[in-house]
């Protein structure tokens, strides 16, 4: 059995170049009840991308359920990340 992972699973829904667009996107998801937030770009990254993510889940199955809700309710194409 693999050791437990300490990094939570998150569901990423977008990676945008404009901070204000990312904040607006996260705000719309928050208004609909999703625990959305924006991850600032990495300083060493070649392109500044603001990542819009939902939740921090200890369990992959829980992240998968949120991913499916985002697909069905919001017509998004999210993916699970750590």
N, C-alpha and C. Protein backbone atom coordinates (compact mmCIF):
# COMPACT_ATOMS: atom_id res chain seq x y z
N UNK A 1 0.86 -1.18 0.00
CA UNK A 1 0.00 0.00 0.00
C UNK A 1 0.90 1.24 0.00
N UNK A 2 0.60 2.23 -0.88
CA UNK A 2 1.45 3.42 -0.94
C UNK A 2 1.27 4.28 0.30
N UNK A 3 2.28 5.06 0.64
CA UNK A 3 2.15 5.94 1.81
C UNK A 3 1.09 7.00 1.55
N UNK A 4 0.44 7.51 2.60
CA UNK A 4 -0.58 8.54 2.39
C UNK A 4 0.06 9.82 1.83
N UNK A 5 -0.68 10.47 0.97
CA UNK A 5 -0.21 11.72 0.38
C UNK A 5 -0.69 12.89 1.24
N UNK A 6 0.20 13.84 1.47
CA UNK A 6 -0.19 15.00 2.26
C UNK A 6 -0.74 16.12 1.39
N UNK A 7 -0.42 16.11 0.10
CA UNK A 7 -0.91 17.16 -0.78
C UNK A 7 -2.37 16.88 -1.13
N UNK A 8 -3.22 17.88 -0.99
CA UNK A 8 -4.63 17.66 -1.34
C UNK A 8 -4.84 17.66 -2.85
N UNK A 9 -5.93 17.05 -3.25
CA UNK A 9 -6.35 17.10 -4.65
C UNK A 9 -7.14 18.39 -4.83
N UNK A 10 -6.98 19.01 -5.98
CA UNK A 10 -7.80 20.17 -6.33
C UNK A 10 -8.33 19.93 -7.74
N UNK A 11 -9.37 20.66 -8.08
CA UNK A 11 -9.94 20.58 -9.41
C UNK A 11 -9.66 21.92 -10.10
N UNK A 12 -8.85 21.87 -11.13
CA UNK A 12 -8.53 23.09 -11.87
C UNK A 12 -9.52 23.25 -13.00
N UNK A 13 -10.07 24.47 -13.12
CA UNK A 13 -11.06 24.72 -14.16
C UNK A 13 -10.57 25.67 -15.25
N UNK A 14 -9.51 26.43 -14.97
CA UNK A 14 -9.01 27.37 -15.98
C UNK A 14 -7.61 27.83 -15.62
N UNK A 15 -6.90 28.30 -16.64
CA UNK A 15 -5.59 28.95 -16.47
C UNK A 15 -5.63 30.17 -17.38
N UNK A 16 -5.68 31.34 -16.77
CA UNK A 16 -5.89 32.58 -17.53
C UNK A 16 -4.71 33.52 -17.36
N UNK A 17 -4.46 34.34 -18.38
CA UNK A 17 -3.35 35.30 -18.32
C UNK A 17 -3.71 36.56 -17.55
N UNK A 18 -4.97 36.90 -17.45
CA UNK A 18 -5.40 38.13 -16.79
C UNK A 18 -5.90 37.84 -15.38
N UNK A 19 -5.31 38.51 -14.40
CA UNK A 19 -5.70 38.31 -13.00
C UNK A 19 -7.16 38.65 -12.77
N UNK A 20 -7.63 39.76 -13.37
CA UNK A 20 -9.02 40.17 -13.15
C UNK A 20 -10.00 39.15 -13.73
N UNK A 21 -9.67 38.57 -14.88
CA UNK A 21 -10.54 37.55 -15.48
C UNK A 21 -10.58 36.30 -14.59
N UNK A 22 -9.44 35.92 -14.05
CA UNK A 22 -9.38 34.75 -13.16
C UNK A 22 -10.20 35.00 -11.89
N UNK A 23 -10.07 36.19 -11.31
CA UNK A 23 -10.84 36.51 -10.10
C UNK A 23 -12.33 36.52 -10.38
N UNK A 24 -12.72 37.07 -11.56
CA UNK A 24 -14.14 37.10 -11.92
C UNK A 24 -14.68 35.68 -12.11
N UNK A 25 -13.90 34.82 -12.75
CA UNK A 25 -14.30 33.43 -12.96
C UNK A 25 -14.49 32.74 -11.61
N UNK A 26 -13.51 32.89 -10.73
CA UNK A 26 -13.61 32.28 -9.39
C UNK A 26 -14.82 32.84 -8.65
N UNK A 27 -15.07 34.13 -8.78
CA UNK A 27 -16.22 34.75 -8.12
C UNK A 27 -17.54 34.16 -8.57
N UNK A 28 -17.66 33.88 -9.87
CA UNK A 28 -18.89 33.26 -10.38
C UNK A 28 -19.08 31.86 -9.79
N UNK A 29 -17.99 31.11 -9.68
CA UNK A 29 -18.09 29.76 -9.10
C UNK A 29 -18.42 29.83 -7.61
N UNK A 30 -17.81 30.78 -6.90
CA UNK A 30 -18.11 30.96 -5.47
C UNK A 30 -19.58 31.29 -5.28
N UNK A 31 -20.12 32.16 -6.13
CA UNK A 31 -21.54 32.53 -6.04
C UNK A 31 -22.45 31.33 -6.23
N UNK A 32 -21.97 30.31 -6.92
CA UNK A 32 -22.75 29.09 -7.15
C UNK A 32 -22.46 28.02 -6.09
N UNK A 33 -21.65 28.36 -5.10
CA UNK A 33 -21.42 27.44 -3.98
C UNK A 33 -20.16 26.60 -4.07
N UNK A 34 -19.32 26.83 -5.07
CA UNK A 34 -18.07 26.08 -5.18
C UNK A 34 -16.97 26.80 -4.41
N UNK A 35 -16.10 26.06 -3.70
CA UNK A 35 -14.98 26.70 -2.97
C UNK A 35 -13.83 27.04 -3.92
N UNK A 36 -14.04 28.03 -4.78
CA UNK A 36 -13.07 28.39 -5.81
C UNK A 36 -12.07 29.41 -5.30
N UNK A 37 -10.90 29.41 -5.90
CA UNK A 37 -9.86 30.38 -5.56
C UNK A 37 -8.89 30.48 -6.73
N UNK A 38 -8.04 31.50 -6.70
CA UNK A 38 -7.07 31.73 -7.76
C UNK A 38 -5.67 31.49 -7.21
N UNK A 39 -4.87 30.74 -7.97
CA UNK A 39 -3.47 30.50 -7.63
C UNK A 39 -2.64 31.47 -8.46
N UNK A 40 -1.82 32.26 -7.78
CA UNK A 40 -0.97 33.23 -8.47
C UNK A 40 0.06 32.51 -9.34
N UNK A 41 0.52 33.16 -10.40
CA UNK A 41 1.53 32.53 -11.28
C UNK A 41 2.84 32.27 -10.55
N UNK A 42 3.52 31.22 -10.95
CA UNK A 42 4.84 30.92 -10.40
C UNK A 42 5.83 31.97 -10.93
N UNK A 43 6.68 32.47 -10.07
CA UNK A 43 7.64 33.51 -10.46
C UNK A 43 8.57 33.03 -11.57
N UNK A 44 8.93 31.75 -11.53
CA UNK A 44 9.89 31.22 -12.52
C UNK A 44 9.22 30.70 -13.79
N UNK A 45 7.90 30.79 -13.88
CA UNK A 45 7.20 30.27 -15.04
C UNK A 45 7.45 31.11 -16.29
N UNK A 46 7.45 30.47 -17.46
CA UNK A 46 7.68 31.21 -18.70
C UNK A 46 6.53 32.14 -19.07
N UNK A 47 5.31 31.77 -18.65
CA UNK A 47 4.13 32.59 -18.92
C UNK A 47 3.35 32.73 -17.62
N UNK A 48 2.91 33.95 -17.32
CA UNK A 48 2.14 34.19 -16.10
C UNK A 48 0.71 33.69 -16.31
N UNK A 49 0.35 32.62 -15.61
CA UNK A 49 -1.01 32.07 -15.70
C UNK A 49 -1.63 32.04 -14.31
N UNK A 50 -2.82 32.60 -14.21
CA UNK A 50 -3.59 32.57 -12.97
C UNK A 50 -4.50 31.36 -13.05
N UNK A 51 -4.29 30.41 -12.15
CA UNK A 51 -5.04 29.16 -12.19
C UNK A 51 -6.27 29.26 -11.30
N UNK A 52 -7.43 28.95 -11.87
CA UNK A 52 -8.67 28.94 -11.11
C UNK A 52 -8.92 27.50 -10.69
N UNK A 53 -8.97 27.31 -9.38
CA UNK A 53 -9.15 25.95 -8.84
C UNK A 53 -10.30 25.91 -7.86
N UNK A 54 -10.79 24.71 -7.64
CA UNK A 54 -11.90 24.48 -6.72
C UNK A 54 -11.46 23.45 -5.69
N UNK A 55 -11.62 23.80 -4.42
CA UNK A 55 -11.44 22.87 -3.31
C UNK A 55 -10.04 22.37 -3.05
N UNK A 56 -9.93 21.71 -1.91
CA UNK A 56 -8.74 20.98 -1.50
C UNK A 56 -9.27 19.70 -0.85
N UNK A 57 -9.13 18.61 -1.57
CA UNK A 57 -9.74 17.35 -1.15
C UNK A 57 -8.68 16.32 -0.82
N UNK A 58 -8.82 15.66 0.32
CA UNK A 58 -7.87 14.63 0.74
C UNK A 58 -8.06 13.35 -0.08
N UNK A 59 -9.24 13.19 -0.64
CA UNK A 59 -9.62 11.95 -1.31
C UNK A 59 -9.86 12.21 -2.81
N UNK A 60 -9.25 11.39 -3.66
CA UNK A 60 -9.40 11.54 -5.11
C UNK A 60 -10.85 11.39 -5.54
N UNK A 61 -11.58 10.50 -4.90
CA UNK A 61 -12.99 10.28 -5.24
C UNK A 61 -13.83 11.52 -5.03
N UNK A 62 -13.56 12.25 -3.95
CA UNK A 62 -14.29 13.49 -3.68
C UNK A 62 -13.99 14.53 -4.75
N UNK A 63 -12.72 14.65 -5.13
CA UNK A 63 -12.34 15.57 -6.20
C UNK A 63 -13.03 15.17 -7.51
N UNK A 64 -13.12 13.89 -7.77
CA UNK A 64 -13.78 13.39 -8.98
C UNK A 64 -15.26 13.77 -8.99
N UNK A 65 -15.91 13.69 -7.84
CA UNK A 65 -17.34 14.07 -7.77
C UNK A 65 -17.52 15.55 -8.10
N UNK A 66 -16.63 16.41 -7.58
CA UNK A 66 -16.71 17.84 -7.87
C UNK A 66 -16.42 18.09 -9.35
N UNK A 67 -15.44 17.39 -9.90
CA UNK A 67 -15.12 17.51 -11.32
C UNK A 67 -16.37 17.20 -12.16
N UNK A 68 -17.07 16.14 -11.82
CA UNK A 68 -18.27 15.76 -12.57
C UNK A 68 -19.37 16.80 -12.43
N UNK A 69 -19.52 17.37 -11.23
CA UNK A 69 -20.51 18.44 -11.05
C UNK A 69 -20.17 19.65 -11.92
N UNK A 70 -18.89 20.02 -11.96
CA UNK A 70 -18.47 21.16 -12.78
C UNK A 70 -18.72 20.89 -14.26
N UNK A 71 -18.50 19.66 -14.69
CA UNK A 71 -18.76 19.30 -16.09
C UNK A 71 -20.25 19.41 -16.39
N UNK A 72 -21.07 18.85 -15.52
CA UNK A 72 -22.51 18.78 -15.78
C UNK A 72 -23.20 20.13 -15.57
N UNK A 73 -22.90 20.80 -14.45
CA UNK A 73 -23.61 22.03 -14.10
C UNK A 73 -23.06 23.27 -14.79
N UNK A 74 -21.77 23.30 -15.05
CA UNK A 74 -21.13 24.50 -15.59
C UNK A 74 -20.59 24.31 -17.01
N UNK A 75 -20.71 23.11 -17.56
CA UNK A 75 -20.20 22.79 -18.89
C UNK A 75 -18.71 23.15 -19.03
N UNK A 76 -17.94 22.86 -17.98
CA UNK A 76 -16.49 23.11 -17.98
C UNK A 76 -15.77 21.80 -18.30
N UNK A 77 -14.49 21.92 -18.60
CA UNK A 77 -13.62 20.76 -18.83
C UNK A 77 -12.48 20.82 -17.81
N UNK A 78 -12.80 20.53 -16.54
CA UNK A 78 -11.78 20.63 -15.50
C UNK A 78 -10.91 19.38 -15.44
N UNK A 79 -9.85 19.47 -14.65
CA UNK A 79 -9.00 18.31 -14.42
C UNK A 79 -8.51 18.35 -12.97
N UNK A 80 -8.16 17.18 -12.47
CA UNK A 80 -7.71 17.05 -11.08
C UNK A 80 -6.19 17.22 -11.05
N UNK A 81 -5.74 17.97 -10.05
CA UNK A 81 -4.32 18.22 -9.88
C UNK A 81 -3.97 18.14 -8.40
N UNK A 82 -2.68 18.16 -8.13
CA UNK A 82 -2.20 18.17 -6.74
C UNK A 82 -1.29 19.33 -6.55
